[in-house]
Amino acid sequence: NNRKIAYHKSEGGDTTVIFCGGYMSDMEGTKACFLEGTCSELGLSYIR
């Protein structure tokens, strides 16, 4: 129904990690942002 879903994606390896947050949480939370740096270190693509 044309809902617009905001995201940040960082490119890494062939495997992509996708973080699904909690109820009334957003993609700027501690775990969501921590995983971005972690995936970069590990050579993984990442989407929050």
All heavy atoms as atom14 arrays in JSON, in Angstrom:
{
  "sequence": "NNRKIAYHKSEGGDTTVIFCGGYMSDMEGTKACFLEGTCSELGLSYIR",
  "atom14_mask": [
    [1, 1, 1, 1, 1, 1, 1, 1, 0, 0, 0, 0, 0, 0],
    [1, 1, 1, 1, 1, 1, 1, 1, 0, 0, 0, 0, 0, 0],
    [1, 1, 1, 1, 1, 1, 1, 1, 1, 1, 1, 0, 0, 0],
    [1, 1, 1, 1, 1, 1, 1, 1, 1, 0, 0, 0, 0, 0],
    [1, 1, 1, 1, 1, 1, 1, 1, 0, 0, 0, 0, 0, 0],
    [1, 1, 1, 1, 1, 0, 0, 0, 0, 0, 0, 0, 0, 0],
    [1, 1, 1, 1, 1, 1, 1, 1, 1, 1, 1, 1, 0, 0],
    [1, 1, 1, 1, 1, 1, 1, 1, 1, 1, 0, 0, 0, 0],
    [1, 1, 1, 1, 1, 1, 1, 1, 1, 0, 0, 0, 0, 0],
    [1, 1, 1, 1, 1, 1, 0, 0, 0, 0, 0, 0, 0, 0],
    [1, 1, 1, 1, 1, 1, 1, 1, 1, 0, 0, 0, 0, 0],
    [1, 1, 1, 1, 0, 0, 0, 0, 0, 0, 0, 0, 0, 0],
    [1, 1, 1, 1, 0, 0, 0, 0, 0, 0, 0, 0, 0, 0],
    [1, 1, 1, 1, 1, 1, 1, 1, 0, 0, 0, 0, 0, 0],
    [1, 1, 1, 1, 1, 1, 1, 0, 0, 0, 0, 0, 0, 0],
    [1, 1, 1, 1, 1, 1, 1, 0, 0, 0, 0, 0, 0, 0],
    [1, 1, 1, 1, 1, 1, 1, 0, 0, 0, 0, 0, 0, 0],
    [1, 1, 1, 1, 1, 1, 1, 1, 0, 0, 0, 0, 0, 0],
    [1, 1, 1, 1, 1, 1, 1, 1, 1, 1, 1, 0, 0, 0],
    [1, 1, 1, 1, 1, 1, 0, 0, 0, 0, 0, 0, 0, 0],
    [1, 1, 1, 1, 0, 0, 0, 0, 0, 0, 0, 0, 0, 0],
    [1, 1, 1, 1, 0, 0, 0, 0, 0, 0, 0, 0, 0, 0],
    [1, 1, 1, 1, 1, 1, 1, 1, 1, 1, 1, 1, 0, 0],
    [1, 1, 1, 1, 1, 1, 1, 1, 0, 0, 0, 0, 0, 0],
    [1, 1, 1, 1, 1, 1, 0, 0, 0, 0, 0, 0, 0, 0],
    [1, 1, 1, 1, 1, 1, 1, 1, 0, 0, 0, 0, 0, 0],
    [1, 1, 1, 1, 1, 1, 1, 1, 0, 0, 0, 0, 0, 0],
    [1, 1, 1, 1, 1, 1, 1, 1, 1, 0, 0, 0, 0, 0],
    [1, 1, 1, 1, 0, 0, 0, 0, 0, 0, 0, 0, 0, 0],
    [1, 1, 1, 1, 1, 1, 1, 0, 0, 0, 0, 0, 0, 0],
    [1, 1, 1, 1, 1, 1, 1, 1, 1, 0, 0, 0, 0, 0],
    [1, 1, 1, 1, 1, 0, 0, 0, 0, 0, 0, 0, 0, 0],
    [1, 1, 1, 1, 1, 1, 0, 0, 0, 0, 0, 0, 0, 0],
    [1, 1, 1, 1, 1, 1, 1, 1, 1, 1, 1, 0, 0, 0],
    [1, 1, 1, 1, 1, 1, 1, 1, 0, 0, 0, 0, 0, 0],
    [1, 1, 1, 1, 1, 1, 1, 1, 1, 0, 0, 0, 0, 0],
    [1, 1, 1, 1, 0, 0, 0, 0, 0, 0, 0, 0, 0, 0],
    [1, 1, 1, 1, 1, 1, 1, 0, 0, 0, 0, 0, 0, 0],
    [1, 1, 1, 1, 1, 1, 0, 0, 0, 0, 0, 0, 0, 0],
    [1, 1, 1, 1, 1, 1, 0, 0, 0, 0, 0, 0, 0, 0],
    [1, 1, 1, 1, 1, 1, 1, 1, 1, 0, 0, 0, 0, 0],
    [1, 1, 1, 1, 1, 1, 1, 1, 0, 0, 0, 0, 0, 0],
    [1, 1, 1, 1, 0, 0, 0, 0, 0, 0, 0, 0, 0, 0],
    [1, 1, 1, 1, 1, 1, 1, 1, 0, 0, 0, 0, 0, 0],
    [1, 1, 1, 1, 1, 1, 0, 0, 0, 0, 0, 0, 0, 0],
    [1, 1, 1, 1, 1, 1, 1, 1, 1, 1, 1, 1, 0, 0],
    [1, 1, 1, 1, 1, 1, 1, 1, 0, 0, 0, 0, 0, 0],
    [1, 1, 1, 1, 1, 1, 1, 1, 1, 1, 1, 0, 0, 0]
  ],
  "atom14_positions": [
    [[0.81, -1.22, 0.0], [0.0, 0.0, 0.0], [0.85, 1.27, 0.0], [0.47, 2.29, 0.58], [-0.96, 0.0, 1.2], [-1.98, -1.13, 1.1], [-2.55, -1.38, 0.04], [-2.2, -1.82, 2.2], [0.0, 0.0, 0.0], [0.0, 0.0, 0.0], [0.0, 0.0, 0.0], [0.0, 0.0, 0.0], [0.0, 0.0, 0.0], [0.0, 0.0, 0.0]],
    [[2.03, 1.15, -0.63], [2.93, 2.29, -0.83], [3.42, 2.93, 0.46], [3.69, 4.13, 0.52], [2.25, 3.36, -1.71], [3.27, 4.21, -2.45], [4.33, 3.72, -2.84], [2.94, 5.47, -2.65], [0.0, 0.0, 0.0], [0.0, 0.0, 0.0], [0.0, 0.0, 0.0], [0.0, 0.0, 0.0], [0.0, 0.0, 0.0], [0.0, 0.0, 0.0]],
    [[3.53, 2.12, 1.53], [4.14, 2.63, 2.75], [5.63, 2.86, 2.48], [6.3, 2.03, 1.88], [3.96, 1.64, 3.92], [2.52, 1.41, 4.31], [2.38, 0.67, 5.64], [2.94, -0.67, 5.61], [2.29, -1.76, 5.2], [1.04, -1.65, 4.74], [2.86, -2.95, 5.23], [0.0, 0.0, 0.0], [0.0, 0.0, 0.0], [0.0, 0.0, 0.0]],
    [[6.14, 3.99, 2.96], [7.54, 4.36, 2.73], [8.38, 3.94, 3.94], [8.2, 4.49, 5.03], [7.67, 5.87, 2.49], [6.88, 6.37, 1.29], [7.32, 5.67, 0.0], [6.56, 6.21, -1.2], [6.88, 5.46, -2.45], [0.0, 0.0, 0.0], [0.0, 0.0, 0.0], [0.0, 0.0, 0.0], [0.0, 0.0, 0.0], [0.0, 0.0, 0.0]],
    [[9.27, 2.98, 3.71], [10.07, 2.42, 4.8], [11.48, 2.98, 4.74], [12.21, 2.77, 3.77], [10.1, 0.88, 4.7], [8.67, 0.32, 4.62], [10.87, 0.29, 5.87], [7.76, 0.77, 5.75], [0.0, 0.0, 0.0], [0.0, 0.0, 0.0], [0.0, 0.0, 0.0], [0.0, 0.0, 0.0], [0.0, 0.0, 0.0], [0.0, 0.0, 0.0]],
    [[11.86, 3.71, 5.8], [13.18, 4.33, 5.87], [14.22, 3.29, 6.25], [13.97, 2.41, 7.08], [13.16, 5.46, 6.9], [0.0, 0.0, 0.0], [0.0, 0.0, 0.0], [0.0, 0.0, 0.0], [0.0, 0.0, 0.0], [0.0, 0.0, 0.0], [0.0, 0.0, 0.0], [0.0, 0.0, 0.0], [0.0, 0.0, 0.0], [0.0, 0.0, 0.0]],
    [[15.4, 3.41, 5.65], [16.47, 2.46, 5.97], [17.84, 3.09, 5.74], [18.0, 4.08, 5.03], [16.34, 1.19, 5.11], [16.73, 1.37, 3.65], [18.03, 1.13, 3.22], [15.79, 1.81, 2.7], [18.38, 1.31, 1.88], [16.13, 1.99, 1.37], [17.43, 1.73, 0.97], [17.8, 1.92, -0.35], [0.0, 0.0, 0.0], [0.0, 0.0, 0.0]],
    [[18.84, 2.46, 6.36], [20.24, 2.73, 6.08], [20.88, 1.4, 5.7], [20.69, 0.4, 6.41], [20.96, 3.3, 7.3], [20.59, 4.72, 7.61], [21.0, 5.78, 6.84], [19.87, 5.25, 8.63], [20.53, 6.9, 7.36], [19.84, 6.61, 8.45], [0.0, 0.0, 0.0], [0.0, 0.0, 0.0], [0.0, 0.0, 0.0], [0.0, 0.0, 0.0]],
    [[21.62, 1.38, 4.62], [22.33, 0.16, 4.22], [23.8, 0.47, 4.03], [24.17, 1.46, 3.41], [21.76, -0.41, 2.91], [22.46, -1.7, 2.48], [21.87, -2.3, 1.21], [22.58, -3.62, 0.87], [22.04, -4.25, -0.37], [0.0, 0.0, 0.0], [0.0, 0.0, 0.0], [0.0, 0.0, 0.0], [0.0, 0.0, 0.0], [0.0, 0.0, 0.0]],
    [[24.64, -0.39, 4.61], [26.08, -0.29, 4.4], [26.54, -1.54, 3.65], [26.14, -2.66, 4.01], [26.82, -0.15, 5.73], [26.47, -1.18, 6.63], [0.0, 0.0, 0.0], [0.0, 0.0, 0.0], [0.0, 0.0, 0.0], [0.0, 0.0, 0.0], [0.0, 0.0, 0.0], [0.0, 0.0, 0.0], [0.0, 0.0, 0.0], [0.0, 0.0, 0.0]],
    [[27.31, -1.34, 2.62], [27.75, -2.45, 1.78], [28.97, -3.14, 2.38], [29.88, -2.5, 2.9], [28.09, -1.96, 0.37], [26.92, -1.33, -0.37], [25.83, -2.33, -0.72], [26.08, -3.56, -0.63], [24.73, -1.9, -1.09], [0.0, 0.0, 0.0], [0.0, 0.0, 0.0], [0.0, 0.0, 0.0], [0.0, 0.0, 0.0], [0.0, 0.0, 0.0]],
    [[28.97, -4.46, 2.29], [30.09, -5.25, 2.77], [30.25, -6.48, 1.9], [30.44, -6.37, 0.69], [0.0, 0.0, 0.0], [0.0, 0.0, 0.0], [0.0, 0.0, 0.0], [0.0, 0.0, 0.0], [0.0, 0.0, 0.0], [0.0, 0.0, 0.0], [0.0, 0.0, 0.0], [0.0, 0.0, 0.0], [0.0, 0.0, 0.0], [0.0, 0.0, 0.0]],
    [[30.09, -7.65, 2.5], [30.21, -8.89, 1.74], [28.9, -9.32, 1.12], [27.92, -8.57, 1.08], [0.0, 0.0, 0.0], [0.0, 0.0, 0.0], [0.0, 0.0, 0.0], [0.0, 0.0, 0.0], [0.0, 0.0, 0.0], [0.0, 0.0, 0.0], [0.0, 0.0, 0.0], [0.0, 0.0, 0.0], [0.0, 0.0, 0.0], [0.0, 0.0, 0.0]],
    [[28.87, -10.56, 0.64], [27.69, -11.1, -0.03], [26.53, -11.32, 0.94], [25.37, -11.28, 0.56], [28.02, -12.43, -0.72], [29.01, -12.24, -1.87], [29.05, -11.13, -2.42], [29.73, -13.2, -2.19], [0.0, 0.0, 0.0], [0.0, 0.0, 0.0], [0.0, 0.0, 0.0], [0.0, 0.0, 0.0], [0.0, 0.0, 0.0], [0.0, 0.0, 0.0]],
    [[26.86, -11.59, 2.21], [25.82, -11.82, 3.22], [25.39, -10.49, 3.83], [26.22, -9.65, 4.17], [26.33, -12.76, 4.33], [26.67, -14.02, 3.76], [25.29, -12.96, 5.41], [0.0, 0.0, 0.0], [0.0, 0.0, 0.0], [0.0, 0.0, 0.0], [0.0, 0.0, 0.0], [0.0, 0.0, 0.0], [0.0, 0.0, 0.0], [0.0, 0.0, 0.0]],
    [[24.07, -10.32, 3.97], [23.53, -9.09, 4.55], [22.86, -9.38, 5.88], [22.02, -10.27, 5.99], [22.49, -8.45, 3.61], [23.09, -8.2, 2.33], [21.98, -7.14, 4.18], [0.0, 0.0, 0.0], [0.0, 0.0, 0.0], [0.0, 0.0, 0.0], [0.0, 0.0, 0.0], [0.0, 0.0, 0.0], [0.0, 0.0, 0.0], [0.0, 0.0, 0.0]],
    [[23.23, -8.62, 6.9], [22.59, -8.69, 8.21], [21.45, -7.68, 8.23], [21.62, -6.52, 7.84], [23.6, -8.37, 9.33], [22.89, -8.32, 10.68], [24.71, -9.41, 9.35], [0.0, 0.0, 0.0], [0.0, 0.0, 0.0], [0.0, 0.0, 0.0], [0.0, 0.0, 0.0], [0.0, 0.0, 0.0], [0.0, 0.0, 0.0], [0.0, 0.0, 0.0]],
    [[20.28, -8.12, 8.66], [19.11, -7.24, 8.76], [18.65, -7.2, 10.21], [18.38, -8.24, 10.82], [17.96, -7.73, 7.86], [18.42, -7.74, 6.39], [16.73, -6.85, 8.03], [17.41, -8.32, 5.44], [0.0, 0.0, 0.0], [0.0, 0.0, 0.0], [0.0, 0.0, 0.0], [0.0, 0.0, 0.0], [0.0, 0.0, 0.0], [0.0, 0.0, 0.0]],
    [[18.59, -5.98, 10.76], [18.18, -5.81, 12.16], [16.72, -5.38, 12.23], [16.33, -4.37, 11.65], [19.06, -4.78, 12.86], [18.69, -4.58, 14.31], [18.98, -5.55, 15.25], [18.03, -3.44, 14.72], [18.63, -5.39, 16.59], [17.68, -3.25, 16.06], [17.98, -4.24, 16.99], [0.0, 0.0, 0.0], [0.0, 0.0, 0.0], [0.0, 0.0, 0.0]],
    [[15.93, -6.15, 12.97], [14.51, -5.85, 13.2], [14.36, -5.34, 14.64], [14.59, -6.09, 15.59], [13.66, -7.09, 12.99], [13.75, -7.8, 11.34], [0.0, 0.0, 0.0], [0.0, 0.0, 0.0], [0.0, 0.0, 0.0], [0.0, 0.0, 0.0], [0.0, 0.0, 0.0], [0.0, 0.0, 0.0], [0.0, 0.0, 0.0], [0.0, 0.0, 0.0]],
    [[13.99, -4.09, 14.77], [13.89, -3.48, 16.09], [12.61, -3.83, 16.83], [11.76, -4.57, 16.34], [0.0, 0.0, 0.0], [0.0, 0.0, 0.0], [0.0, 0.0, 0.0], [0.0, 0.0, 0.0], [0.0, 0.0, 0.0], [0.0, 0.0, 0.0], [0.0, 0.0, 0.0], [0.0, 0.0, 0.0], [0.0, 0.0, 0.0], [0.0, 0.0, 0.0]],
    [[12.48, -3.26, 18.01], [11.35, -3.57, 18.88], [10.16, -2.64, 18.71], [10.16, -1.72, 17.89], [0.0, 0.0, 0.0], [0.0, 0.0, 0.0], [0.0, 0.0, 0.0], [0.0, 0.0, 0.0], [0.0, 0.0, 0.0], [0.0, 0.0, 0.0], [0.0, 0.0, 0.0], [0.0, 0.0, 0.0], [0.0, 0.0, 0.0], [0.0, 0.0, 0.0]],
    [[9.16, -2.87, 19.52], [7.91, -2.11, 19.53], [8.18, -0.67, 19.92], [8.76, -0.4, 20.97], [6.98, -2.79, 20.54], [5.55, -2.33, 20.58], [4.68, -2.61, 19.53], [5.04, -1.68, 21.7], [3.35, -2.23, 19.6], [3.7, -1.3, 21.78], [2.87, -1.58, 20.72], [1.54, -1.21, 20.78], [0.0, 0.0, 0.0], [0.0, 0.0, 0.0]],
    [[7.8, 0.27, 19.07], [8.02, 1.7, 19.29], [9.51, 2.08, 19.33], [9.88, 3.13, 19.85], [7.32, 2.2, 20.56], [5.8, 2.27, 20.42], [4.96, 2.99, 21.86], [5.47, 4.7, 21.72], [0.0, 0.0, 0.0], [0.0, 0.0, 0.0], [0.0, 0.0, 0.0], [0.0, 0.0, 0.0], [0.0, 0.0, 0.0], [0.0, 0.0, 0.0]],
    [[10.38, 1.23, 18.8], [11.8, 1.55, 18.69], [12.09, 2.0, 17.26], [11.3, 1.76, 16.36], [12.66, 0.33, 19.02], [12.46, -0.08, 20.35], [0.0, 0.0, 0.0], [0.0, 0.0, 0.0], [0.0, 0.0, 0.0], [0.0, 0.0, 0.0], [0.0, 0.0, 0.0], [0.0, 0.0, 0.0], [0.0, 0.0, 0.0], [0.0, 0.0, 0.0]],
    [[13.25, 2.62, 17.07], [13.63, 3.01, 15.71], [15.05, 2.56, 15.42], [15.71, 1.97, 16.27], [13.45, 4.52, 15.48], [14.33, 5.36, 16.4], [15.47, 4.95, 16.71], [13.89, 6.44, 16.82], [0.0, 0.0, 0.0], [0.0, 0.0, 0.0], [0.0, 0.0, 0.0], [0.0, 0.0, 0.0], [0.0, 0.0, 0.0], [0.0, 0.0, 0.0]],
    [[15.52, 2.85, 14.21], [16.81, 2.32, 13.76], [18.0, 3.12, 14.29], [19.13, 2.86, 13.89], [16.86, 2.27, 12.24], [16.7, 3.6, 11.54], [16.88, 3.41, 9.76], [16.27, 4.98, 9.18], [0.0, 0.0, 0.0], [0.0, 0.0, 0.0], [0.0, 0.0, 0.0], [0.0, 0.0, 0.0], [0.0, 0.0, 0.0], [0.0, 0.0, 0.0]],
    [[17.74, 4.07, 15.2], [18.83, 4.83, 15.8], [19.19, 4.31, 17.19], [19.97, 4.93, 17.91], [18.46, 6.31, 15.89], [18.15, 6.97, 14.54], [19.3, 6.89, 13.56], [20.47, 6.91, 14.0], [19.03, 6.81, 12.34], [0.0, 0.0, 0.0], [0.0, 0.0, 0.0], [0.0, 0.0, 0.0], [0.0, 0.0, 0.0], [0.0, 0.0, 0.0]],
    [[18.63, 3.16, 17.57], [18.91, 2.59, 18.88], [20.33, 2.06, 19.02], [21.06, 1.9, 18.04], [0.0, 0.0, 0.0], [0.0, 0.0, 0.0], [0.0, 0.0, 0.0], [0.0, 0.0, 0.0], [0.0, 0.0, 0.0], [0.0, 0.0, 0.0], [0.0, 0.0, 0.0], [0.0, 0.0, 0.0], [0.0, 0.0, 0.0], [0.0, 0.0, 0.0]],
    [[20.71, 1.77, 20.26], [22.08, 1.33, 20.56], [22.48, 0.09, 19.78], [23.55, 0.06, 19.15], [22.22, 1.05, 22.08], [21.9, 2.24, 22.8], [23.63, 0.61, 22.42], [0.0, 0.0, 0.0], [0.0, 0.0, 0.0], [0.0, 0.0, 0.0], [0.0, 0.0, 0.0], [0.0, 0.0, 0.0], [0.0, 0.0, 0.0], [0.0, 0.0, 0.0]],
    [[21.65, -0.93, 19.81], [22.01, -2.2, 19.13], [22.04, -2.02, 17.62], [22.93, -2.53, 16.94], [21.03, -3.3, 19.53], [21.13, -3.72, 20.99], [20.25, -4.9, 21.33], [18.8, -4.56, 21.33], [18.39, -3.67, 22.45], [0.0, 0.0, 0.0], [0.0, 0.0, 0.0], [0.0, 0.0, 0.0], [0.0, 0.0, 0.0], [0.0, 0.0, 0.0]],
    [[21.07, -1.27, 17.08], [21.01, -1.07, 15.63], [22.26, -0.37, 15.12], [22.82, -0.75, 14.09], [19.77, -0.25, 15.28], [0.0, 0.0, 0.0], [0.0, 0.0, 0.0], [0.0, 0.0, 0.0], [0.0, 0.0, 0.0], [0.0, 0.0, 0.0], [0.0, 0.0, 0.0], [0.0, 0.0, 0.0], [0.0, 0.0, 0.0], [0.0, 0.0, 0.0]],
    [[22.71, 0.65, 15.85], [23.9, 1.4, 15.42], [25.18, 0.61, 15.7], [26.13, 0.67, 14.9], [23.93, 2.75, 16.11], [22.6, 3.87, 15.56], [0.0, 0.0, 0.0], [0.0, 0.0, 0.0], [0.0, 0.0, 0.0], [0.0, 0.0, 0.0], [0.0, 0.0, 0.0], [0.0, 0.0, 0.0], [0.0, 0.0, 0.0], [0.0, 0.0, 0.0]],
    [[25.22, -0.12, 16.81], [26.39, -0.94, 17.1], [26.63, -1.97, 16.0], [27.76, -2.2, 15.57], [26.2, -1.66, 18.44], [27.22, -2.72, 18.72], [28.48, -2.41, 19.2], [26.92, -4.07, 18.5], [29.43, -3.39, 19.44], [27.86, -5.06, 18.74], [29.12, -4.72, 19.22], [0.0, 0.0, 0.0], [0.0, 0.0, 0.0], [0.0, 0.0, 0.0]],
    [[25.57, -2.58, 15.54], [25.69, -3.62, 14.51], [26.22, -3.07, 13.2], [26.86, -3.79, 12.43], [24.34, -4.31, 14.3], [23.95, -5.31, 15.38], [22.48, -5.69, 15.26], [24.82, -6.56, 15.31], [0.0, 0.0, 0.0], [0.0, 0.0, 0.0], [0.0, 0.0, 0.0], [0.0, 0.0, 0.0], [0.0, 0.0, 0.0], [0.0, 0.0, 0.0]],
    [[25.98, -1.8, 12.93], [26.48, -1.2, 11.7], [28.01, -1.23, 11.68], [28.63, -1.66, 10.7], [25.97, 0.23, 11.57], [26.22, 0.85, 10.21], [25.35, 2.05, 9.99], [25.57, 3.09, 10.67], [24.42, 1.98, 9.16], [0.0, 0.0, 0.0], [0.0, 0.0, 0.0], [0.0, 0.0, 0.0], [0.0, 0.0, 0.0], [0.0, 0.0, 0.0]],
    [[28.62, -0.79, 12.79], [30.07, -0.83, 12.88], [30.61, -2.24, 12.92], [31.64, -2.56, 12.32], [0.0, 0.0, 0.0], [0.0, 0.0, 0.0], [0.0, 0.0, 0.0], [0.0, 0.0, 0.0], [0.0, 0.0, 0.0], [0.0, 0.0, 0.0], [0.0, 0.0, 0.0], [0.0, 0.0, 0.0], [0.0, 0.0, 0.0], [0.0, 0.0, 0.0]],
    [[29.9, -3.11, 13.62], [30.32, -4.51, 13.74], [30.34, -5.2, 12.38], [31.28, -5.91, 12.04], [29.39, -5.26, 14.7], [29.54, -4.71, 16.01], [29.72, -6.74, 14.75], [0.0, 0.0, 0.0], [0.0, 0.0, 0.0], [0.0, 0.0, 0.0], [0.0, 0.0, 0.0], [0.0, 0.0, 0.0], [0.0, 0.0, 0.0], [0.0, 0.0, 0.0]],
    [[29.27, -5.0, 11.61], [29.2, -5.63, 10.29], [30.3, -5.11, 9.37], [30.85, -5.86, 8.56], [27.82, -5.41, 9.68], [26.52, -6.36, 10.49], [0.0, 0.0, 0.0], [0.0, 0.0, 0.0], [0.0, 0.0, 0.0], [0.0, 0.0, 0.0], [0.0, 0.0, 0.0], [0.0, 0.0, 0.0], [0.0, 0.0, 0.0], [0.0, 0.0, 0.0]],
    [[30.62, -3.84, 9.49], [31.71, -3.28, 8.69], [33.02, -3.98, 9.03], [33.8, -4.34, 8.15], [31.83, -1.78, 8.96], [32.91, -1.22, 8.24], [0.0, 0.0, 0.0], [0.0, 0.0, 0.0], [0.0, 0.0, 0.0], [0.0, 0.0, 0.0], [0.0, 0.0, 0.0], [0.0, 0.0, 0.0], [0.0, 0.0, 0.0], [0.0, 0.0, 0.0]],
    [[33.27, -4.2, 10.32], [34.48, -4.9, 10.76], [34.52, -6.33, 10.26], [35.59, -6.84, 9.89], [34.55, -4.92, 12.29], [34.9, -3.6, 12.94], [34.99, -3.76, 14.44], [35.52, -4.79, 14.91], [34.51, -2.86, 15.16], [0.0, 0.0, 0.0], [0.0, 0.0, 0.0], [0.0, 0.0, 0.0], [0.0, 0.0, 0.0], [0.0, 0.0, 0.0]],
    [[33.36, -6.97, 10.23], [33.3, -8.4, 9.89], [33.15, -8.65, 8.39], [33.11, -9.8, 7.96], [32.14, -9.06, 10.64], [32.24, -9.07, 12.17], [30.98, -9.66, 12.79], [33.47, -9.84, 12.64], [0.0, 0.0, 0.0], [0.0, 0.0, 0.0], [0.0, 0.0, 0.0], [0.0, 0.0, 0.0], [0.0, 0.0, 0.0], [0.0, 0.0, 0.0]],
    [[33.06, -7.58, 7.61], [32.92, -7.75, 6.16], [31.54, -8.21, 5.73], [31.39, -8.96, 4.77], [0.0, 0.0, 0.0], [0.0, 0.0, 0.0], [0.0, 0.0, 0.0], [0.0, 0.0, 0.0], [0.0, 0.0, 0.0], [0.0, 0.0, 0.0], [0.0, 0.0, 0.0], [0.0, 0.0, 0.0], [0.0, 0.0, 0.0], [0.0, 0.0, 0.0]],
    [[30.51, -7.71, 6.44], [29.14, -8.06, 6.13], [28.38, -6.82, 5.69], [28.62, -5.72, 6.19], [28.44, -8.64, 7.37], [29.0, -9.94, 7.94], [28.47, -10.16, 9.36], [28.63, -11.12, 7.05], [0.0, 0.0, 0.0], [0.0, 0.0, 0.0], [0.0, 0.0, 0.0], [0.0, 0.0, 0.0], [0.0, 0.0, 0.0], [0.0, 0.0, 0.0]],
    [[27.46, -6.96, 4.76], [26.54, -5.87, 4.46], [25.52, -5.77, 5.6], [25.29, -6.74, 6.33], [25.83, -6.12, 3.13], [26.75, -6.1, 2.06], [0.0, 0.0, 0.0], [0.0, 0.0, 0.0], [0.0, 0.0, 0.0], [0.0, 0.0, 0.0], [0.0, 0.0, 0.0], [0.0, 0.0, 0.0], [0.0, 0.0, 0.0], [0.0, 0.0, 0.0]],
    [[24.91, -4.6, 5.75], [24.04, -4.41, 6.9], [22.9, -3.45, 6.57], [23.11, -2.43, 5.9], [24.84, -3.85, 8.08], [24.01, -3.53, 9.3], [23.36, -4.54, 10.0], [23.86, -2.21, 9.74], [22.59, -4.25, 11.13], [23.1, -1.91, 10.86], [22.46, -2.93, 11.55], [21.71, -2.65, 12.66], [0.0, 0.0, 0.0], [0.0, 0.0, 0.0]],
    [[21.71, -3.78, 7.05], [20.54, -2.91, 6.9], [19.84, -2.75, 8.25], [19.52, -3.72, 8.92], [19.52, -3.47, 5.89], [20.16, -3.63, 4.5], [18.3, -2.56, 5.8], [19.27, -4.35, 3.5], [0.0, 0.0, 0.0], [0.0, 0.0, 0.0], [0.0, 0.0, 0.0], [0.0, 0.0, 0.0], [0.0, 0.0, 0.0], [0.0, 0.0, 0.0]],
    [[19.62, -1.5, 8.63], [18.71, -1.18, 9.74], [17.59, -0.35, 9.15], [17.8, 0.42, 8.21], [19.43, -0.46, 10.87], [20.22, 0.77, 10.47], [21.07, 1.3, 11.62], [21.99, 2.35, 11.19], [21.81, 3.65, 11.36], [20.69, 4.08, 11.95], [22.7, 4.52, 10.96], [0.0, 0.0, 0.0], [0.0, 0.0, 0.0], [0.0, 0.0, 0.0]]
  ]
}
